[in-house]
Amino acid sequence: MPGKSLKQQVAAFRQSLFCEEILNGQFTCLEELEGEDNPNFIETIVNMYLNESPKYIDTIEQTLEATPIDVANLERCLYKFKGSSSSIGANKVTIEITKMLNCCISGDIEG
């Protein structure tokens, strides 16, 4: 039996991202905005997210390594990263950031 076409492989991979709840319905909403007038919309949005994410992660890491930890700065960065992640449907990232924010709010910096 011949292997799956590239299009089928991409479709299966995309579906697995939803099944594993890595992505959520927000991503589907963004896909619907792609059209003839903006054929690379999703690619552009995902690339922007992937280019910005390391900056958030670096800031979070630097803030956590500082003594004392600037909780207000950490929360600000987490909220920005959460908004960015949520806006593209990066579900698992958003969930983990929410856990971090809850730790900050409750004063559980070790968490």
N, C-alpha and C. Protein backbone atom coordinates (compact mmCIF):
# COMPACT_ATOMS: atom_id res chain seq x y z
N MET A 1 0.84 -1.18 0.00
CA MET A 1 0.00 0.00 0.00
C MET A 1 0.88 1.24 0.00
N PRO A 2 0.66 2.17 -0.93
CA PRO A 2 1.50 3.36 -0.99
C PRO A 2 1.31 4.23 0.25
N GLY A 3 2.37 4.99 0.57
CA GLY A 3 2.31 5.89 1.72
C GLY A 3 1.33 7.03 1.49
N LYS A 4 1.01 7.67 2.57
CA LYS A 4 0.09 8.81 2.50
C LYS A 4 0.75 9.96 1.75
N SER A 5 -0.07 10.72 1.07
CA SER A 5 0.45 11.91 0.39
C SER A 5 0.84 12.94 1.45
N LEU A 6 1.63 13.90 1.04
CA LEU A 6 2.05 14.95 1.97
C LEU A 6 0.84 15.69 2.53
N LYS A 7 -0.14 15.95 1.70
CA LYS A 7 -1.34 16.64 2.15
C LYS A 7 -2.06 15.83 3.24
N GLN A 8 -2.12 14.51 3.07
CA GLN A 8 -2.76 13.65 4.07
C GLN A 8 -1.94 13.62 5.36
N GLN A 9 -0.63 13.61 5.23
CA GLN A 9 0.23 13.62 6.41
C GLN A 9 0.06 14.91 7.20
N VAL A 10 0.01 16.02 6.49
CA VAL A 10 -0.18 17.32 7.16
C VAL A 10 -1.53 17.36 7.85
N ALA A 11 -2.56 16.87 7.17
CA ALA A 11 -3.91 16.84 7.77
C ALA A 11 -3.93 15.97 9.01
N ALA A 12 -3.28 14.83 8.97
CA ALA A 12 -3.23 13.93 10.13
C ALA A 12 -2.46 14.57 11.28
N PHE A 13 -1.36 15.24 10.97
CA PHE A 13 -0.57 15.92 12.00
C PHE A 13 -1.39 17.04 12.63
N ARG A 14 -2.06 17.83 11.79
CA ARG A 14 -2.90 18.92 12.27
C ARG A 14 -3.95 18.37 13.22
N GLN A 15 -4.61 17.29 12.82
CA GLN A 15 -5.65 16.69 13.65
C GLN A 15 -5.08 16.20 14.97
N SER A 16 -3.88 15.66 14.95
CA SER A 16 -3.27 15.18 16.19
C SER A 16 -3.02 16.33 17.17
N LEU A 17 -2.72 17.52 16.65
CA LEU A 17 -2.51 18.68 17.52
C LEU A 17 -3.79 19.04 18.27
N PHE A 18 -4.93 18.85 17.62
CA PHE A 18 -6.21 19.09 18.28
C PHE A 18 -6.56 17.96 19.23
N CYS A 19 -6.34 16.72 18.81
CA CYS A 19 -6.64 15.56 19.65
C CYS A 19 -5.84 15.58 20.94
N GLU A 20 -4.60 16.02 20.86
CA GLU A 20 -3.73 16.09 22.03
C GLU A 20 -3.92 17.40 22.79
N GLU A 21 -4.86 18.21 22.33
CA GLU A 21 -5.21 19.50 22.94
C GLU A 21 -4.05 20.48 23.00
N ILE A 22 -3.13 20.33 22.06
CA ILE A 22 -2.05 21.31 21.93
C ILE A 22 -2.61 22.59 21.35
N LEU A 23 -3.51 22.45 20.38
CA LEU A 23 -4.23 23.58 19.80
C LEU A 23 -5.70 23.48 20.18
N ASN A 24 -6.37 24.65 20.15
CA ASN A 24 -7.81 24.64 20.40
C ASN A 24 -8.55 25.35 19.27
N GLY A 25 -9.82 25.57 19.46
CA GLY A 25 -10.67 26.14 18.42
C GLY A 25 -10.26 27.51 17.94
N GLN A 26 -9.51 28.25 18.75
CA GLN A 26 -9.06 29.57 18.32
C GLN A 26 -8.21 29.45 17.05
N PHE A 27 -7.42 28.41 16.96
CA PHE A 27 -6.60 28.20 15.77
C PHE A 27 -7.48 28.01 14.54
N THR A 28 -8.55 27.26 14.70
CA THR A 28 -9.50 27.05 13.60
C THR A 28 -10.12 28.37 13.16
N CYS A 29 -10.44 29.22 14.12
CA CYS A 29 -10.99 30.55 13.80
C CYS A 29 -10.00 31.35 12.97
N LEU A 30 -8.73 31.27 13.31
CA LEU A 30 -7.71 31.98 12.54
C LEU A 30 -7.59 31.41 11.14
N GLU A 31 -7.70 30.09 11.03
CA GLU A 31 -7.63 29.46 9.71
C GLU A 31 -8.73 29.99 8.79
N GLU A 32 -9.89 30.27 9.37
CA GLU A 32 -11.01 30.76 8.58
C GLU A 32 -10.77 32.16 8.03
N LEU A 33 -9.82 32.88 8.62
CA LEU A 33 -9.50 34.23 8.14
C LEU A 33 -8.58 34.21 6.93
N GLU A 34 -7.98 33.07 6.67
CA GLU A 34 -7.10 32.94 5.51
C GLU A 34 -7.95 32.83 4.25
N GLY A 35 -7.56 33.52 3.23
CA GLY A 35 -8.31 33.48 1.99
C GLY A 35 -7.48 33.98 0.83
N GLU A 36 -8.13 34.20 -0.27
CA GLU A 36 -7.43 34.64 -1.49
C GLU A 36 -6.69 35.96 -1.27
N ASP A 37 -7.29 36.87 -0.52
CA ASP A 37 -6.66 38.16 -0.28
C ASP A 37 -5.52 38.08 0.74
N ASN A 38 -5.47 37.01 1.52
CA ASN A 38 -4.42 36.83 2.51
C ASN A 38 -4.09 35.34 2.64
N PRO A 39 -3.47 34.77 1.60
CA PRO A 39 -3.27 33.31 1.55
C PRO A 39 -2.27 32.76 2.58
N ASN A 40 -1.42 33.59 3.11
CA ASN A 40 -0.41 33.13 4.07
C ASN A 40 -0.68 33.62 5.48
N PHE A 41 -1.93 33.87 5.79
CA PHE A 41 -2.29 34.45 7.08
C PHE A 41 -1.81 33.59 8.24
N ILE A 42 -2.15 32.32 8.23
CA ILE A 42 -1.77 31.42 9.34
C ILE A 42 -0.25 31.34 9.47
N GLU A 43 0.41 31.17 8.35
CA GLU A 43 1.88 31.10 8.38
C GLU A 43 2.47 32.35 9.01
N THR A 44 1.96 33.50 8.64
CA THR A 44 2.46 34.77 9.18
C THR A 44 2.22 34.86 10.68
N ILE A 45 1.00 34.52 11.11
CA ILE A 45 0.65 34.61 12.52
C ILE A 45 1.48 33.63 13.36
N VAL A 46 1.61 32.40 12.90
CA VAL A 46 2.38 31.41 13.65
C VAL A 46 3.86 31.81 13.70
N ASN A 47 4.40 32.31 12.60
CA ASN A 47 5.79 32.76 12.60
C ASN A 47 6.01 33.91 13.58
N MET A 48 5.07 34.84 13.61
CA MET A 48 5.17 35.95 14.57
C MET A 48 5.19 35.41 16.00
N TYR A 49 4.30 34.48 16.28
CA TYR A 49 4.23 33.88 17.62
C TYR A 49 5.54 33.16 17.95
N LEU A 50 6.05 32.38 17.02
CA LEU A 50 7.29 31.64 17.26
C LEU A 50 8.50 32.55 17.40
N ASN A 51 8.47 33.70 16.75
CA ASN A 51 9.56 34.66 16.88
C ASN A 51 9.50 35.42 18.20
N GLU A 52 8.30 35.68 18.72
CA GLU A 52 8.13 36.43 19.95
C GLU A 52 8.27 35.56 21.19
N SER A 53 7.87 34.30 21.12
CA SER A 53 7.85 33.42 22.29
C SER A 53 9.20 33.31 23.00
N PRO A 54 10.30 33.17 22.29
CA PRO A 54 11.59 33.07 23.00
C PRO A 54 11.89 34.32 23.84
N LYS A 55 11.43 35.47 23.41
CA LYS A 55 11.65 36.71 24.19
C LYS A 55 10.90 36.62 25.52
N TYR A 56 9.66 36.15 25.47
CA TYR A 56 8.89 35.99 26.71
C TYR A 56 9.56 34.97 27.62
N ILE A 57 9.97 33.85 27.04
CA ILE A 57 10.59 32.79 27.83
C ILE A 57 11.88 33.27 28.47
N ASP A 58 12.70 34.00 27.71
CA ASP A 58 13.95 34.55 28.26
C ASP A 58 13.67 35.50 29.42
N THR A 59 12.68 36.37 29.26
CA THR A 59 12.34 37.32 30.32
C THR A 59 11.85 36.58 31.55
N ILE A 60 11.02 35.57 31.35
CA ILE A 60 10.53 34.77 32.48
C ILE A 60 11.70 34.10 33.19
N GLU A 61 12.59 33.49 32.44
CA GLU A 61 13.75 32.81 33.05
C GLU A 61 14.63 33.80 33.81
N GLN A 62 14.91 34.95 33.21
CA GLN A 62 15.75 35.95 33.88
C GLN A 62 15.09 36.46 35.16
N THR A 63 13.79 36.67 35.10
CA THR A 63 13.08 37.15 36.28
C THR A 63 13.11 36.11 37.39
N LEU A 64 12.95 34.84 37.04
CA LEU A 64 12.96 33.78 38.05
C LEU A 64 14.35 33.56 38.65
N GLU A 65 15.39 33.89 37.89
CA GLU A 65 16.75 33.72 38.38
C GLU A 65 17.22 34.87 39.26
N ALA A 66 16.51 36.00 39.20
CA ALA A 66 16.90 37.18 39.98
C ALA A 66 16.56 36.98 41.45
N THR A 67 17.31 37.67 42.30
CA THR A 67 17.04 37.66 43.73
C THR A 67 16.96 39.09 44.21
N PRO A 68 15.87 39.52 44.75
CA PRO A 68 14.60 38.82 44.88
C PRO A 68 13.85 38.80 43.53
N ILE A 69 12.89 37.93 43.43
CA ILE A 69 12.10 37.82 42.20
C ILE A 69 11.12 38.99 42.14
N ASP A 70 11.14 39.67 41.02
CA ASP A 70 10.20 40.77 40.77
C ASP A 70 8.88 40.16 40.30
N VAL A 71 8.00 39.88 41.24
CA VAL A 71 6.76 39.18 40.94
C VAL A 71 5.89 40.00 40.00
N ALA A 72 5.86 41.31 40.17
CA ALA A 72 5.04 42.16 39.29
C ALA A 72 5.52 42.06 37.85
N ASN A 73 6.81 42.09 37.64
CA ASN A 73 7.37 41.96 36.29
C ASN A 73 7.09 40.57 35.72
N LEU A 74 7.22 39.55 36.56
CA LEU A 74 6.94 38.18 36.14
C LEU A 74 5.48 38.05 35.70
N GLU A 75 4.57 38.57 36.50
CA GLU A 75 3.14 38.50 36.16
C GLU A 75 2.86 39.24 34.84
N ARG A 76 3.44 40.42 34.67
CA ARG A 76 3.25 41.19 33.43
C ARG A 76 3.66 40.38 32.22
N CYS A 77 4.84 39.78 32.30
CA CYS A 77 5.34 38.98 31.18
C CYS A 77 4.47 37.75 30.94
N LEU A 78 4.07 37.10 32.02
CA LEU A 78 3.20 35.93 31.88
C LEU A 78 1.87 36.29 31.24
N TYR A 79 1.28 37.41 31.64
CA TYR A 79 0.01 37.83 31.04
C TYR A 79 0.16 38.12 29.55
N LYS A 80 1.28 38.75 29.17
CA LYS A 80 1.52 39.02 27.75
C LYS A 80 1.68 37.72 26.96
N PHE A 81 2.46 36.81 27.51
CA PHE A 81 2.70 35.52 26.85
C PHE A 81 1.41 34.72 26.77
N LYS A 82 0.63 34.78 27.83
CA LYS A 82 -0.65 34.08 27.84
C LYS A 82 -1.58 34.63 26.77
N GLY A 83 -1.65 35.94 26.65
CA GLY A 83 -2.49 36.56 25.63
C GLY A 83 -2.07 36.18 24.24
N SER A 84 -0.77 36.21 24.00
CA SER A 84 -0.24 35.83 22.70
C SER A 84 -0.54 34.37 22.39
N SER A 85 -0.33 33.50 23.36
CA SER A 85 -0.57 32.06 23.18
C SER A 85 -2.05 31.78 22.97
N SER A 86 -2.87 32.42 23.76
CA SER A 86 -4.32 32.22 23.66
C SER A 86 -4.85 32.70 22.31
N SER A 87 -4.29 33.79 21.82
CA SER A 87 -4.80 34.37 20.57
C SER A 87 -4.56 33.49 19.35
N ILE A 88 -3.56 32.60 19.42
CA ILE A 88 -3.35 31.69 18.28
C ILE A 88 -3.86 30.28 18.56
N GLY A 89 -4.38 30.07 19.76
CA GLY A 89 -4.92 28.75 20.08
C GLY A 89 -3.91 27.77 20.62
N ALA A 90 -2.81 28.28 21.16
CA ALA A 90 -1.79 27.40 21.75
C ALA A 90 -2.26 26.98 23.14
N ASN A 91 -3.15 26.02 23.16
CA ASN A 91 -3.88 25.62 24.36
C ASN A 91 -2.98 25.16 25.50
N LYS A 92 -2.08 24.24 25.25
CA LYS A 92 -1.25 23.70 26.33
C LYS A 92 -0.32 24.76 26.92
N VAL A 93 0.19 25.64 26.08
CA VAL A 93 1.04 26.73 26.57
C VAL A 93 0.21 27.64 27.47
N THR A 94 -0.99 27.98 27.04
CA THR A 94 -1.87 28.84 27.82
C THR A 94 -2.19 28.21 29.17
N ILE A 95 -2.45 26.92 29.19
CA ILE A 95 -2.75 26.22 30.45
C ILE A 95 -1.57 26.30 31.41
N GLU A 96 -0.36 26.07 30.91
CA GLU A 96 0.82 26.11 31.77
C GLU A 96 1.10 27.53 32.28
N ILE A 97 0.89 28.51 31.45
CA ILE A 97 1.09 29.90 31.89
C ILE A 97 0.07 30.24 32.97
N THR A 98 -1.16 29.78 32.80
CA THR A 98 -2.19 30.02 33.81
C THR A 98 -1.78 29.41 35.14
N LYS A 99 -1.19 28.23 35.12
CA LYS A 99 -0.70 27.61 36.36
C LYS A 99 0.36 28.49 37.01
N MET A 100 1.27 29.02 36.20
CA MET A 100 2.32 29.90 36.72
C MET A 100 1.71 31.16 37.32
N LEU A 101 0.74 31.75 36.63
CA LEU A 101 0.09 32.95 37.14
C LEU A 101 -0.61 32.67 38.47
N ASN A 102 -1.27 31.53 38.56
CA ASN A 102 -1.94 31.17 39.81
C ASN A 102 -0.94 31.05 40.96
N CYS A 103 0.24 30.52 40.66
CA CYS A 103 1.29 30.44 41.69
C CYS A 103 1.74 31.83 42.11
N CYS A 104 1.88 32.72 41.16
CA CYS A 104 2.27 34.10 41.48
C CYS A 104 1.22 34.77 42.36
N ILE A 105 -0.03 34.61 41.95
CA ILE A 105 -1.13 35.25 42.67
C ILE A 105 -1.24 34.72 44.10
N SER A 106 -1.01 33.43 44.27
CA SER A 106 -1.12 32.83 45.60
C SER A 106 0.16 32.99 46.42
N GLY A 107 1.20 33.57 45.81
CA GLY A 107 2.47 33.77 46.51
C GLY A 107 3.34 32.54 46.55
N ASP A 108 3.01 31.54 45.76
CA ASP A 108 3.77 30.28 45.70
C ASP A 108 4.84 30.38 44.61
N ILE A 109 5.86 31.14 44.87
CA ILE A 109 6.91 31.37 43.87
C ILE A 109 7.66 30.07 43.55
N GLU A 110 7.84 29.18 44.52
CA GLU A 110 8.46 27.90 44.25
C GLU A 110 7.67 27.10 43.23
N GLY A 111 6.35 27.18 43.32
CA GLY A 111 5.46 26.46 42.40
C GLY A 111 5.72 26.87 40.99
